[in-house]
Amino acid sequence: IDIKNPASNHHNPGFSDEERGKMT
């Protein structure tokens, strides 16, 4: 919900699984 195009940005810096996991 925090990004306009989640599918096309998956794994890009700022929306990688690792970074999102650390925010969690």
PDBML (XML) file of the C-alpha atoms, coordinates in Angstrom:
<?xml version="1.0" encoding="UTF-8" ?>
<PDBx:datablock datablockName="MODEL"
   xmlns:PDBx="http://pdbml.pdb.org/schema/pdbx-v50.xsd"
   xmlns:xsi="http://www.w3.org/2001/XMLSchema-instance"
   xsi:schemaLocation="http://pdbml.pdb.org/schema/pdbx-v50.xsd pdbx-v50.xsd">
   <PDBx:atom_siteCategory>
      <PDBx:atom_site id="1">
         <PDBx:B_iso_or_equiv>0.00</PDBx:B_iso_or_equiv>
         <PDBx:Cartn_x>0.000</PDBx:Cartn_x>
         <PDBx:Cartn_y>0.000</PDBx:Cartn_y>
         <PDBx:Cartn_z>0.000</PDBx:Cartn_z>
         <PDBx:auth_asym_id>A</PDBx:auth_asym_id>
         <PDBx:auth_atom_id>CA</PDBx:auth_atom_id>
         <PDBx:auth_comp_id>ILE</PDBx:auth_comp_id>
         <PDBx:auth_seq_id>1</PDBx:auth_seq_id>
         <PDBx:group_PDB>ATOM</PDBx:group_PDB>
         <PDBx:label_alt_id xsi:nil="true" />
         <PDBx:label_asym_id>A</PDBx:label_asym_id>
         <PDBx:label_atom_id>CA</PDBx:label_atom_id>
         <PDBx:label_comp_id>ILE</PDBx:label_comp_id>
         <PDBx:label_entity_id>1</PDBx:label_entity_id>
         <PDBx:label_seq_id>1</PDBx:label_seq_id>
         <PDBx:occupancy>1.00</PDBx:occupancy>
         <PDBx:pdbx_PDB_model_num>1</PDBx:pdbx_PDB_model_num>
         <PDBx:type_symbol>C</PDBx:type_symbol>
      </PDBx:atom_site>
      <PDBx:atom_site id="2">
         <PDBx:B_iso_or_equiv>0.00</PDBx:B_iso_or_equiv>
         <PDBx:Cartn_x>3.022</PDBx:Cartn_x>
         <PDBx:Cartn_y>2.275</PDBx:Cartn_y>
         <PDBx:Cartn_z>0.504</PDBx:Cartn_z>
         <PDBx:auth_asym_id>A</PDBx:auth_asym_id>
         <PDBx:auth_atom_id>CA</PDBx:auth_atom_id>
         <PDBx:auth_comp_id>ASP</PDBx:auth_comp_id>
         <PDBx:auth_seq_id>2</PDBx:auth_seq_id>
         <PDBx:group_PDB>ATOM</PDBx:group_PDB>
         <PDBx:label_alt_id xsi:nil="true" />
         <PDBx:label_asym_id>A</PDBx:label_asym_id>
         <PDBx:label_atom_id>CA</PDBx:label_atom_id>
         <PDBx:label_comp_id>ASP</PDBx:label_comp_id>
         <PDBx:label_entity_id>1</PDBx:label_entity_id>
         <PDBx:label_seq_id>2</PDBx:label_seq_id>
         <PDBx:occupancy>1.00</PDBx:occupancy>
         <PDBx:pdbx_PDB_model_num>1</PDBx:pdbx_PDB_model_num>
         <PDBx:type_symbol>C</PDBx:type_symbol>
      </PDBx:atom_site>
      <PDBx:atom_site id="3">
         <PDBx:B_iso_or_equiv>0.00</PDBx:B_iso_or_equiv>
         <PDBx:Cartn_x>4.164</PDBx:Cartn_x>
         <PDBx:Cartn_y>2.196</PDBx:Cartn_y>
         <PDBx:Cartn_z>-3.132</PDBx:Cartn_z>
         <PDBx:auth_asym_id>A</PDBx:auth_asym_id>
         <PDBx:auth_atom_id>CA</PDBx:auth_atom_id>
         <PDBx:auth_comp_id>ILE</PDBx:auth_comp_id>
         <PDBx:auth_seq_id>3</PDBx:auth_seq_id>
         <PDBx:group_PDB>ATOM</PDBx:group_PDB>
         <PDBx:label_alt_id xsi:nil="true" />
         <PDBx:label_asym_id>A</PDBx:label_asym_id>
         <PDBx:label_atom_id>CA</PDBx:label_atom_id>
         <PDBx:label_comp_id>ILE</PDBx:label_comp_id>
         <PDBx:label_entity_id>1</PDBx:label_entity_id>
         <PDBx:label_seq_id>3</PDBx:label_seq_id>
         <PDBx:occupancy>1.00</PDBx:occupancy>
         <PDBx:pdbx_PDB_model_num>1</PDBx:pdbx_PDB_model_num>
         <PDBx:type_symbol>C</PDBx:type_symbol>
      </PDBx:atom_site>
      <PDBx:atom_site id="4">
         <PDBx:B_iso_or_equiv>0.00</PDBx:B_iso_or_equiv>
         <PDBx:Cartn_x>2.408</PDBx:Cartn_x>
         <PDBx:Cartn_y>2.911</PDBx:Cartn_y>
         <PDBx:Cartn_z>-6.402</PDBx:Cartn_z>
         <PDBx:auth_asym_id>A</PDBx:auth_asym_id>
         <PDBx:auth_atom_id>CA</PDBx:auth_atom_id>
         <PDBx:auth_comp_id>LYS</PDBx:auth_comp_id>
         <PDBx:auth_seq_id>4</PDBx:auth_seq_id>
         <PDBx:group_PDB>ATOM</PDBx:group_PDB>
         <PDBx:label_alt_id xsi:nil="true" />
         <PDBx:label_asym_id>A</PDBx:label_asym_id>
         <PDBx:label_atom_id>CA</PDBx:label_atom_id>
         <PDBx:label_comp_id>LYS</PDBx:label_comp_id>
         <PDBx:label_entity_id>1</PDBx:label_entity_id>
         <PDBx:label_seq_id>4</PDBx:label_seq_id>
         <PDBx:occupancy>1.00</PDBx:occupancy>
         <PDBx:pdbx_PDB_model_num>1</PDBx:pdbx_PDB_model_num>
         <PDBx:type_symbol>C</PDBx:type_symbol>
      </PDBx:atom_site>
      <PDBx:atom_site id="5">
         <PDBx:B_iso_or_equiv>0.00</PDBx:B_iso_or_equiv>
         <PDBx:Cartn_x>3.782</PDBx:Cartn_x>
         <PDBx:Cartn_y>-0.021</PDBx:Cartn_y>
         <PDBx:Cartn_z>-8.398</PDBx:Cartn_z>
         <PDBx:auth_asym_id>A</PDBx:auth_asym_id>
         <PDBx:auth_atom_id>CA</PDBx:auth_atom_id>
         <PDBx:auth_comp_id>ASN</PDBx:auth_comp_id>
         <PDBx:auth_seq_id>5</PDBx:auth_seq_id>
         <PDBx:group_PDB>ATOM</PDBx:group_PDB>
         <PDBx:label_alt_id xsi:nil="true" />
         <PDBx:label_asym_id>A</PDBx:label_asym_id>
         <PDBx:label_atom_id>CA</PDBx:label_atom_id>
         <PDBx:label_comp_id>ASN</PDBx:label_comp_id>
         <PDBx:label_entity_id>1</PDBx:label_entity_id>
         <PDBx:label_seq_id>5</PDBx:label_seq_id>
         <PDBx:occupancy>1.00</PDBx:occupancy>
         <PDBx:pdbx_PDB_model_num>1</PDBx:pdbx_PDB_model_num>
         <PDBx:type_symbol>C</PDBx:type_symbol>
      </PDBx:atom_site>
      <PDBx:atom_site id="6">
         <PDBx:B_iso_or_equiv>0.00</PDBx:B_iso_or_equiv>
         <PDBx:Cartn_x>4.681</PDBx:Cartn_x>
         <PDBx:Cartn_y>-2.836</PDBx:Cartn_y>
         <PDBx:Cartn_z>-6.000</PDBx:Cartn_z>
         <PDBx:auth_asym_id>A</PDBx:auth_asym_id>
         <PDBx:auth_atom_id>CA</PDBx:auth_atom_id>
         <PDBx:auth_comp_id>PRO</PDBx:auth_comp_id>
         <PDBx:auth_seq_id>6</PDBx:auth_seq_id>
         <PDBx:group_PDB>ATOM</PDBx:group_PDB>
         <PDBx:label_alt_id xsi:nil="true" />
         <PDBx:label_asym_id>A</PDBx:label_asym_id>
         <PDBx:label_atom_id>CA</PDBx:label_atom_id>
         <PDBx:label_comp_id>PRO</PDBx:label_comp_id>
         <PDBx:label_entity_id>1</PDBx:label_entity_id>
         <PDBx:label_seq_id>6</PDBx:label_seq_id>
         <PDBx:occupancy>1.00</PDBx:occupancy>
         <PDBx:pdbx_PDB_model_num>1</PDBx:pdbx_PDB_model_num>
         <PDBx:type_symbol>C</PDBx:type_symbol>
      </PDBx:atom_site>
      <PDBx:atom_site id="7">
         <PDBx:B_iso_or_equiv>0.00</PDBx:B_iso_or_equiv>
         <PDBx:Cartn_x>4.941</PDBx:Cartn_x>
         <PDBx:Cartn_y>-5.615</PDBx:Cartn_y>
         <PDBx:Cartn_z>-8.588</PDBx:Cartn_z>
         <PDBx:auth_asym_id>A</PDBx:auth_asym_id>
         <PDBx:auth_atom_id>CA</PDBx:auth_atom_id>
         <PDBx:auth_comp_id>ALA</PDBx:auth_comp_id>
         <PDBx:auth_seq_id>7</PDBx:auth_seq_id>
         <PDBx:group_PDB>ATOM</PDBx:group_PDB>
         <PDBx:label_alt_id xsi:nil="true" />
         <PDBx:label_asym_id>A</PDBx:label_asym_id>
         <PDBx:label_atom_id>CA</PDBx:label_atom_id>
         <PDBx:label_comp_id>ALA</PDBx:label_comp_id>
         <PDBx:label_entity_id>1</PDBx:label_entity_id>
         <PDBx:label_seq_id>7</PDBx:label_seq_id>
         <PDBx:occupancy>1.00</PDBx:occupancy>
         <PDBx:pdbx_PDB_model_num>1</PDBx:pdbx_PDB_model_num>
         <PDBx:type_symbol>C</PDBx:type_symbol>
      </PDBx:atom_site>
      <PDBx:atom_site id="8">
         <PDBx:B_iso_or_equiv>0.00</PDBx:B_iso_or_equiv>
         <PDBx:Cartn_x>7.404</PDBx:Cartn_x>
         <PDBx:Cartn_y>-3.852</PDBx:Cartn_y>
         <PDBx:Cartn_z>-10.876</PDBx:Cartn_z>
         <PDBx:auth_asym_id>A</PDBx:auth_asym_id>
         <PDBx:auth_atom_id>CA</PDBx:auth_atom_id>
         <PDBx:auth_comp_id>SER</PDBx:auth_comp_id>
         <PDBx:auth_seq_id>8</PDBx:auth_seq_id>
         <PDBx:group_PDB>ATOM</PDBx:group_PDB>
         <PDBx:label_alt_id xsi:nil="true" />
         <PDBx:label_asym_id>A</PDBx:label_asym_id>
         <PDBx:label_atom_id>CA</PDBx:label_atom_id>
         <PDBx:label_comp_id>SER</PDBx:label_comp_id>
         <PDBx:label_entity_id>1</PDBx:label_entity_id>
         <PDBx:label_seq_id>8</PDBx:label_seq_id>
         <PDBx:occupancy>1.00</PDBx:occupancy>
         <PDBx:pdbx_PDB_model_num>1</PDBx:pdbx_PDB_model_num>
         <PDBx:type_symbol>C</PDBx:type_symbol>
      </PDBx:atom_site>
      <PDBx:atom_site id="9">
         <PDBx:B_iso_or_equiv>0.00</PDBx:B_iso_or_equiv>
         <PDBx:Cartn_x>9.493</PDBx:Cartn_x>
         <PDBx:Cartn_y>-2.582</PDBx:Cartn_y>
         <PDBx:Cartn_z>-7.938</PDBx:Cartn_z>
         <PDBx:auth_asym_id>A</PDBx:auth_asym_id>
         <PDBx:auth_atom_id>CA</PDBx:auth_atom_id>
         <PDBx:auth_comp_id>ASN</PDBx:auth_comp_id>
         <PDBx:auth_seq_id>9</PDBx:auth_seq_id>
         <PDBx:group_PDB>ATOM</PDBx:group_PDB>
         <PDBx:label_alt_id xsi:nil="true" />
         <PDBx:label_asym_id>A</PDBx:label_asym_id>
         <PDBx:label_atom_id>CA</PDBx:label_atom_id>
         <PDBx:label_comp_id>ASN</PDBx:label_comp_id>
         <PDBx:label_entity_id>1</PDBx:label_entity_id>
         <PDBx:label_seq_id>9</PDBx:label_seq_id>
         <PDBx:occupancy>1.00</PDBx:occupancy>
         <PDBx:pdbx_PDB_model_num>1</PDBx:pdbx_PDB_model_num>
         <PDBx:type_symbol>C</PDBx:type_symbol>
      </PDBx:atom_site>
      <PDBx:atom_site id="10">
         <PDBx:B_iso_or_equiv>0.00</PDBx:B_iso_or_equiv>
         <PDBx:Cartn_x>9.784</PDBx:Cartn_x>
         <PDBx:Cartn_y>-5.886</PDBx:Cartn_y>
         <PDBx:Cartn_z>-6.077</PDBx:Cartn_z>
         <PDBx:auth_asym_id>A</PDBx:auth_asym_id>
         <PDBx:auth_atom_id>CA</PDBx:auth_atom_id>
         <PDBx:auth_comp_id>HIS</PDBx:auth_comp_id>
         <PDBx:auth_seq_id>10</PDBx:auth_seq_id>
         <PDBx:group_PDB>ATOM</PDBx:group_PDB>
         <PDBx:label_alt_id xsi:nil="true" />
         <PDBx:label_asym_id>A</PDBx:label_asym_id>
         <PDBx:label_atom_id>CA</PDBx:label_atom_id>
         <PDBx:label_comp_id>HIS</PDBx:label_comp_id>
         <PDBx:label_entity_id>1</PDBx:label_entity_id>
         <PDBx:label_seq_id>10</PDBx:label_seq_id>
         <PDBx:occupancy>1.00</PDBx:occupancy>
         <PDBx:pdbx_PDB_model_num>1</PDBx:pdbx_PDB_model_num>
         <PDBx:type_symbol>C</PDBx:type_symbol>
      </PDBx:atom_site>
      <PDBx:atom_site id="11">
         <PDBx:B_iso_or_equiv>0.00</PDBx:B_iso_or_equiv>
         <PDBx:Cartn_x>13.482</PDBx:Cartn_x>
         <PDBx:Cartn_y>-6.514</PDBx:Cartn_y>
         <PDBx:Cartn_z>-5.292</PDBx:Cartn_z>
         <PDBx:auth_asym_id>A</PDBx:auth_asym_id>
         <PDBx:auth_atom_id>CA</PDBx:auth_atom_id>
         <PDBx:auth_comp_id>HIS</PDBx:auth_comp_id>
         <PDBx:auth_seq_id>11</PDBx:auth_seq_id>
         <PDBx:group_PDB>ATOM</PDBx:group_PDB>
         <PDBx:label_alt_id xsi:nil="true" />
         <PDBx:label_asym_id>A</PDBx:label_asym_id>
         <PDBx:label_atom_id>CA</PDBx:label_atom_id>
         <PDBx:label_comp_id>HIS</PDBx:label_comp_id>
         <PDBx:label_entity_id>1</PDBx:label_entity_id>
         <PDBx:label_seq_id>11</PDBx:label_seq_id>
         <PDBx:occupancy>1.00</PDBx:occupancy>
         <PDBx:pdbx_PDB_model_num>1</PDBx:pdbx_PDB_model_num>
         <PDBx:type_symbol>C</PDBx:type_symbol>
      </PDBx:atom_site>
      <PDBx:atom_site id="12">
         <PDBx:B_iso_or_equiv>0.00</PDBx:B_iso_or_equiv>
         <PDBx:Cartn_x>14.407</PDBx:Cartn_x>
         <PDBx:Cartn_y>-2.911</PDBx:Cartn_y>
         <PDBx:Cartn_z>-6.143</PDBx:Cartn_z>
         <PDBx:auth_asym_id>A</PDBx:auth_asym_id>
         <PDBx:auth_atom_id>CA</PDBx:auth_atom_id>
         <PDBx:auth_comp_id>ASN</PDBx:auth_comp_id>
         <PDBx:auth_seq_id>12</PDBx:auth_seq_id>
         <PDBx:group_PDB>ATOM</PDBx:group_PDB>
         <PDBx:label_alt_id xsi:nil="true" />
         <PDBx:label_asym_id>A</PDBx:label_asym_id>
         <PDBx:label_atom_id>CA</PDBx:label_atom_id>
         <PDBx:label_comp_id>ASN</PDBx:label_comp_id>
         <PDBx:label_entity_id>1</PDBx:label_entity_id>
         <PDBx:label_seq_id>12</PDBx:label_seq_id>
         <PDBx:occupancy>1.00</PDBx:occupancy>
         <PDBx:pdbx_PDB_model_num>1</PDBx:pdbx_PDB_model_num>
         <PDBx:type_symbol>C</PDBx:type_symbol>
      </PDBx:atom_site>
      <PDBx:atom_site id="13">
         <PDBx:B_iso_or_equiv>0.00</PDBx:B_iso_or_equiv>
         <PDBx:Cartn_x>16.269</PDBx:Cartn_x>
         <PDBx:Cartn_y>-0.881</PDBx:Cartn_y>
         <PDBx:Cartn_z>-3.482</PDBx:Cartn_z>
         <PDBx:auth_asym_id>A</PDBx:auth_asym_id>
         <PDBx:auth_atom_id>CA</PDBx:auth_atom_id>
         <PDBx:auth_comp_id>PRO</PDBx:auth_comp_id>
         <PDBx:auth_seq_id>13</PDBx:auth_seq_id>
         <PDBx:group_PDB>ATOM</PDBx:group_PDB>
         <PDBx:label_alt_id xsi:nil="true" />
         <PDBx:label_asym_id>A</PDBx:label_asym_id>
         <PDBx:label_atom_id>CA</PDBx:label_atom_id>
         <PDBx:label_comp_id>PRO</PDBx:label_comp_id>
         <PDBx:label_entity_id>1</PDBx:label_entity_id>
         <PDBx:label_seq_id>13</PDBx:label_seq_id>
         <PDBx:occupancy>1.00</PDBx:occupancy>
         <PDBx:pdbx_PDB_model_num>1</PDBx:pdbx_PDB_model_num>
         <PDBx:type_symbol>C</PDBx:type_symbol>
      </PDBx:atom_site>
      <PDBx:atom_site id="14">
         <PDBx:B_iso_or_equiv>0.00</PDBx:B_iso_or_equiv>
         <PDBx:Cartn_x>13.741</PDBx:Cartn_x>
         <PDBx:Cartn_y>0.368</PDBx:Cartn_y>
         <PDBx:Cartn_z>-0.973</PDBx:Cartn_z>
         <PDBx:auth_asym_id>A</PDBx:auth_asym_id>
         <PDBx:auth_atom_id>CA</PDBx:auth_atom_id>
         <PDBx:auth_comp_id>GLY</PDBx:auth_comp_id>
         <PDBx:auth_seq_id>14</PDBx:auth_seq_id>
         <PDBx:group_PDB>ATOM</PDBx:group_PDB>
         <PDBx:label_alt_id xsi:nil="true" />
         <PDBx:label_asym_id>A</PDBx:label_asym_id>
         <PDBx:label_atom_id>CA</PDBx:label_atom_id>
         <PDBx:label_comp_id>GLY</PDBx:label_comp_id>
         <PDBx:label_entity_id>1</PDBx:label_entity_id>
         <PDBx:label_seq_id>14</PDBx:label_seq_id>
         <PDBx:occupancy>1.00</PDBx:occupancy>
         <PDBx:pdbx_PDB_model_num>1</PDBx:pdbx_PDB_model_num>
         <PDBx:type_symbol>C</PDBx:type_symbol>
      </PDBx:atom_site>
      <PDBx:atom_site id="15">
         <PDBx:B_iso_or_equiv>0.00</PDBx:B_iso_or_equiv>
         <PDBx:Cartn_x>11.269</PDBx:Cartn_x>
         <PDBx:Cartn_y>-2.419</PDBx:Cartn_y>
         <PDBx:Cartn_z>-1.694</PDBx:Cartn_z>
         <PDBx:auth_asym_id>A</PDBx:auth_asym_id>
         <PDBx:auth_atom_id>CA</PDBx:auth_atom_id>
         <PDBx:auth_comp_id>PHE</PDBx:auth_comp_id>
         <PDBx:auth_seq_id>15</PDBx:auth_seq_id>
         <PDBx:group_PDB>ATOM</PDBx:group_PDB>
         <PDBx:label_alt_id xsi:nil="true" />
         <PDBx:label_asym_id>A</PDBx:label_asym_id>
         <PDBx:label_atom_id>CA</PDBx:label_atom_id>
         <PDBx:label_comp_id>PHE</PDBx:label_comp_id>
         <PDBx:label_entity_id>1</PDBx:label_entity_id>
         <PDBx:label_seq_id>15</PDBx:label_seq_id>
         <PDBx:occupancy>1.00</PDBx:occupancy>
         <PDBx:pdbx_PDB_model_num>1</PDBx:pdbx_PDB_model_num>
         <PDBx:type_symbol>C</PDBx:type_symbol>
      </PDBx:atom_site>
      <PDBx:atom_site id="16">
         <PDBx:B_iso_or_equiv>0.00</PDBx:B_iso_or_equiv>
         <PDBx:Cartn_x>13.322</PDBx:Cartn_x>
         <PDBx:Cartn_y>-5.576</PDBx:Cartn_y>
         <PDBx:Cartn_z>-1.328</PDBx:Cartn_z>
         <PDBx:auth_asym_id>A</PDBx:auth_asym_id>
         <PDBx:auth_atom_id>CA</PDBx:auth_atom_id>
         <PDBx:auth_comp_id>SER</PDBx:auth_comp_id>
         <PDBx:auth_seq_id>16</PDBx:auth_seq_id>
         <PDBx:group_PDB>ATOM</PDBx:group_PDB>
         <PDBx:label_alt_id xsi:nil="true" />
         <PDBx:label_asym_id>A</PDBx:label_asym_id>
         <PDBx:label_atom_id>CA</PDBx:label_atom_id>
         <PDBx:label_comp_id>SER</PDBx:label_comp_id>
         <PDBx:label_entity_id>1</PDBx:label_entity_id>
         <PDBx:label_seq_id>16</PDBx:label_seq_id>
         <PDBx:occupancy>1.00</PDBx:occupancy>
         <PDBx:pdbx_PDB_model_num>1</PDBx:pdbx_PDB_model_num>
         <PDBx:type_symbol>C</PDBx:type_symbol>
      </PDBx:atom_site>
      <PDBx:atom_site id="17">
         <PDBx:B_iso_or_equiv>0.00</PDBx:B_iso_or_equiv>
         <PDBx:Cartn_x>12.070</PDBx:Cartn_x>
         <PDBx:Cartn_y>-8.378</PDBx:Cartn_y>
         <PDBx:Cartn_z>0.900</PDBx:Cartn_z>
         <PDBx:auth_asym_id>A</PDBx:auth_asym_id>
         <PDBx:auth_atom_id>CA</PDBx:auth_atom_id>
         <PDBx:auth_comp_id>ASP</PDBx:auth_comp_id>
         <PDBx:auth_seq_id>17</PDBx:auth_seq_id>
         <PDBx:group_PDB>ATOM</PDBx:group_PDB>
         <PDBx:label_alt_id xsi:nil="true" />
         <PDBx:label_asym_id>A</PDBx:label_asym_id>
         <PDBx:label_atom_id>CA</PDBx:label_atom_id>
         <PDBx:label_comp_id>ASP</PDBx:label_comp_id>
         <PDBx:label_entity_id>1</PDBx:label_entity_id>
         <PDBx:label_seq_id>17</PDBx:label_seq_id>
         <PDBx:occupancy>1.00</PDBx:occupancy>
         <PDBx:pdbx_PDB_model_num>1</PDBx:pdbx_PDB_model_num>
         <PDBx:type_symbol>C</PDBx:type_symbol>
      </PDBx:atom_site>
      <PDBx:atom_site id="18">
         <PDBx:B_iso_or_equiv>0.00</PDBx:B_iso_or_equiv>
         <PDBx:Cartn_x>15.115</PDBx:Cartn_x>
         <PDBx:Cartn_y>-7.905</PDBx:Cartn_y>
         <PDBx:Cartn_z>3.117</PDBx:Cartn_z>
         <PDBx:auth_asym_id>A</PDBx:auth_asym_id>
         <PDBx:auth_atom_id>CA</PDBx:auth_atom_id>
         <PDBx:auth_comp_id>GLU</PDBx:auth_comp_id>
         <PDBx:auth_seq_id>18</PDBx:auth_seq_id>
         <PDBx:group_PDB>ATOM</PDBx:group_PDB>
         <PDBx:label_alt_id xsi:nil="true" />
         <PDBx:label_asym_id>A</PDBx:label_asym_id>
         <PDBx:label_atom_id>CA</PDBx:label_atom_id>
         <PDBx:label_comp_id>GLU</PDBx:label_comp_id>
         <PDBx:label_entity_id>1</PDBx:label_entity_id>
         <PDBx:label_seq_id>18</PDBx:label_seq_id>
         <PDBx:occupancy>1.00</PDBx:occupancy>
         <PDBx:pdbx_PDB_model_num>1</PDBx:pdbx_PDB_model_num>
         <PDBx:type_symbol>C</PDBx:type_symbol>
      </PDBx:atom_site>
      <PDBx:atom_site id="19">
         <PDBx:B_iso_or_equiv>0.00</PDBx:B_iso_or_equiv>
         <PDBx:Cartn_x>14.557</PDBx:Cartn_x>
         <PDBx:Cartn_y>-4.186</PDBx:Cartn_y>
         <PDBx:Cartn_z>3.727</PDBx:Cartn_z>
         <PDBx:auth_asym_id>A</PDBx:auth_asym_id>
         <PDBx:auth_atom_id>CA</PDBx:auth_atom_id>
         <PDBx:auth_comp_id>GLU</PDBx:auth_comp_id>
         <PDBx:auth_seq_id>19</PDBx:auth_seq_id>
         <PDBx:group_PDB>ATOM</PDBx:group_PDB>
         <PDBx:label_alt_id xsi:nil="true" />
         <PDBx:label_asym_id>A</PDBx:label_asym_id>
         <PDBx:label_atom_id>CA</PDBx:label_atom_id>
         <PDBx:label_comp_id>GLU</PDBx:label_comp_id>
         <PDBx:label_entity_id>1</PDBx:label_entity_id>
         <PDBx:label_seq_id>19</PDBx:label_seq_id>
         <PDBx:occupancy>1.00</PDBx:occupancy>
         <PDBx:pdbx_PDB_model_num>1</PDBx:pdbx_PDB_model_num>
         <PDBx:type_symbol>C</PDBx:type_symbol>
      </PDBx:atom_site>
      <PDBx:atom_site id="20">
         <PDBx:B_iso_or_equiv>0.00</PDBx:B_iso_or_equiv>
         <PDBx:Cartn_x>10.840</PDBx:Cartn_x>
         <PDBx:Cartn_y>-4.589</PDBx:Cartn_y>
         <PDBx:Cartn_z>4.291</PDBx:Cartn_z>
         <PDBx:auth_asym_id>A</PDBx:auth_asym_id>
         <PDBx:auth_atom_id>CA</PDBx:auth_atom_id>
         <PDBx:auth_comp_id>ARG</PDBx:auth_comp_id>
         <PDBx:auth_seq_id>20</PDBx:auth_seq_id>
         <PDBx:group_PDB>ATOM</PDBx:group_PDB>
         <PDBx:label_alt_id xsi:nil="true" />
         <PDBx:label_asym_id>A</PDBx:label_asym_id>
         <PDBx:label_atom_id>CA</PDBx:label_atom_id>
         <PDBx:label_comp_id>ARG</PDBx:label_comp_id>
         <PDBx:label_entity_id>1</PDBx:label_entity_id>
         <PDBx:label_seq_id>20</PDBx:label_seq_id>
         <PDBx:occupancy>1.00</PDBx:occupancy>
         <PDBx:pdbx_PDB_model_num>1</PDBx:pdbx_PDB_model_num>
         <PDBx:type_symbol>C</PDBx:type_symbol>
      </PDBx:atom_site>
      <PDBx:atom_site id="21">
         <PDBx:B_iso_or_equiv>0.00</PDBx:B_iso_or_equiv>
         <PDBx:Cartn_x>11.559</PDBx:Cartn_x>
         <PDBx:Cartn_y>-7.414</PDBx:Cartn_y>
         <PDBx:Cartn_z>6.706</PDBx:Cartn_z>
         <PDBx:auth_asym_id>A</PDBx:auth_asym_id>
         <PDBx:auth_atom_id>CA</PDBx:auth_atom_id>
         <PDBx:auth_comp_id>GLY</PDBx:auth_comp_id>
         <PDBx:auth_seq_id>21</PDBx:auth_seq_id>
         <PDBx:group_PDB>ATOM</PDBx:group_PDB>
         <PDBx:label_alt_id xsi:nil="true" />
         <PDBx:label_asym_id>A</PDBx:label_asym_id>
         <PDBx:label_atom_id>CA</PDBx:label_atom_id>
         <PDBx:label_comp_id>GLY</PDBx:label_comp_id>
         <PDBx:label_entity_id>1</PDBx:label_entity_id>
         <PDBx:label_seq_id>21</PDBx:label_seq_id>
         <PDBx:occupancy>1.00</PDBx:occupancy>
         <PDBx:pdbx_PDB_model_num>1</PDBx:pdbx_PDB_model_num>
         <PDBx:type_symbol>C</PDBx:type_symbol>
      </PDBx:atom_site>
      <PDBx:atom_site id="22">
         <PDBx:B_iso_or_equiv>0.00</PDBx:B_iso_or_equiv>
         <PDBx:Cartn_x>13.874</PDBx:Cartn_x>
         <PDBx:Cartn_y>-5.202</PDBx:Cartn_y>
         <PDBx:Cartn_z>8.741</PDBx:Cartn_z>
         <PDBx:auth_asym_id>A</PDBx:auth_asym_id>
         <PDBx:auth_atom_id>CA</PDBx:auth_atom_id>
         <PDBx:auth_comp_id>LYS</PDBx:auth_comp_id>
         <PDBx:auth_seq_id>22</PDBx:auth_seq_id>
         <PDBx:group_PDB>ATOM</PDBx:group_PDB>
         <PDBx:label_alt_id xsi:nil="true" />
         <PDBx:label_asym_id>A</PDBx:label_asym_id>
         <PDBx:label_atom_id>CA</PDBx:label_atom_id>
         <PDBx:label_comp_id>LYS</PDBx:label_comp_id>
         <PDBx:label_entity_id>1</PDBx:label_entity_id>
         <PDBx:label_seq_id>22</PDBx:label_seq_id>
         <PDBx:occupancy>1.00</PDBx:occupancy>
         <PDBx:pdbx_PDB_model_num>1</PDBx:pdbx_PDB_model_num>
         <PDBx:type_symbol>C</PDBx:type_symbol>
      </PDBx:atom_site>
      <PDBx:atom_site id="23">
         <PDBx:B_iso_or_equiv>0.00</PDBx:B_iso_or_equiv>
         <PDBx:Cartn_x>11.161</PDBx:Cartn_x>
         <PDBx:Cartn_y>-2.550</PDBx:Cartn_y>
         <PDBx:Cartn_z>8.952</PDBx:Cartn_z>
         <PDBx:auth_asym_id>A</PDBx:auth_asym_id>
         <PDBx:auth_atom_id>CA</PDBx:auth_atom_id>
         <PDBx:auth_comp_id>MET</PDBx:auth_comp_id>
         <PDBx:auth_seq_id>23</PDBx:auth_seq_id>
         <PDBx:group_PDB>ATOM</PDBx:group_PDB>
         <PDBx:label_alt_id xsi:nil="true" />
         <PDBx:label_asym_id>A</PDBx:label_asym_id>
         <PDBx:label_atom_id>CA</PDBx:label_atom_id>
         <PDBx:label_comp_id>MET</PDBx:label_comp_id>
         <PDBx:label_entity_id>1</PDBx:label_entity_id>
         <PDBx:label_seq_id>23</PDBx:label_seq_id>
         <PDBx:occupancy>1.00</PDBx:occupancy>
         <PDBx:pdbx_PDB_model_num>1</PDBx:pdbx_PDB_model_num>
         <PDBx:type_symbol>C</PDBx:type_symbol>
      </PDBx:atom_site>
      <PDBx:atom_site id="24">
         <PDBx:B_iso_or_equiv>0.00</PDBx:B_iso_or_equiv>
         <PDBx:Cartn_x>8.799</PDBx:Cartn_x>
         <PDBx:Cartn_y>-5.214</PDBx:Cartn_y>
         <PDBx:Cartn_z>10.271</PDBx:Cartn_z>
         <PDBx:auth_asym_id>A</PDBx:auth_asym_id>
         <PDBx:auth_atom_id>CA</PDBx:auth_atom_id>
         <PDBx:auth_comp_id>THR</PDBx:auth_comp_id>
         <PDBx:auth_seq_id>24</PDBx:auth_seq_id>
         <PDBx:group_PDB>ATOM</PDBx:group_PDB>
         <PDBx:label_alt_id xsi:nil="true" />
         <PDBx:label_asym_id>A</PDBx:label_asym_id>
         <PDBx:label_atom_id>CA</PDBx:label_atom_id>
         <PDBx:label_comp_id>THR</PDBx:label_comp_id>
         <PDBx:label_entity_id>1</PDBx:label_entity_id>
         <PDBx:label_seq_id>24</PDBx:label_seq_id>
         <PDBx:occupancy>1.00</PDBx:occupancy>
         <PDBx:pdbx_PDB_model_num>1</PDBx:pdbx_PDB_model_num>
         <PDBx:type_symbol>C</PDBx:type_symbol>
      </PDBx:atom_site>
   </PDBx:atom_siteCategory>
</PDBx:datablock>
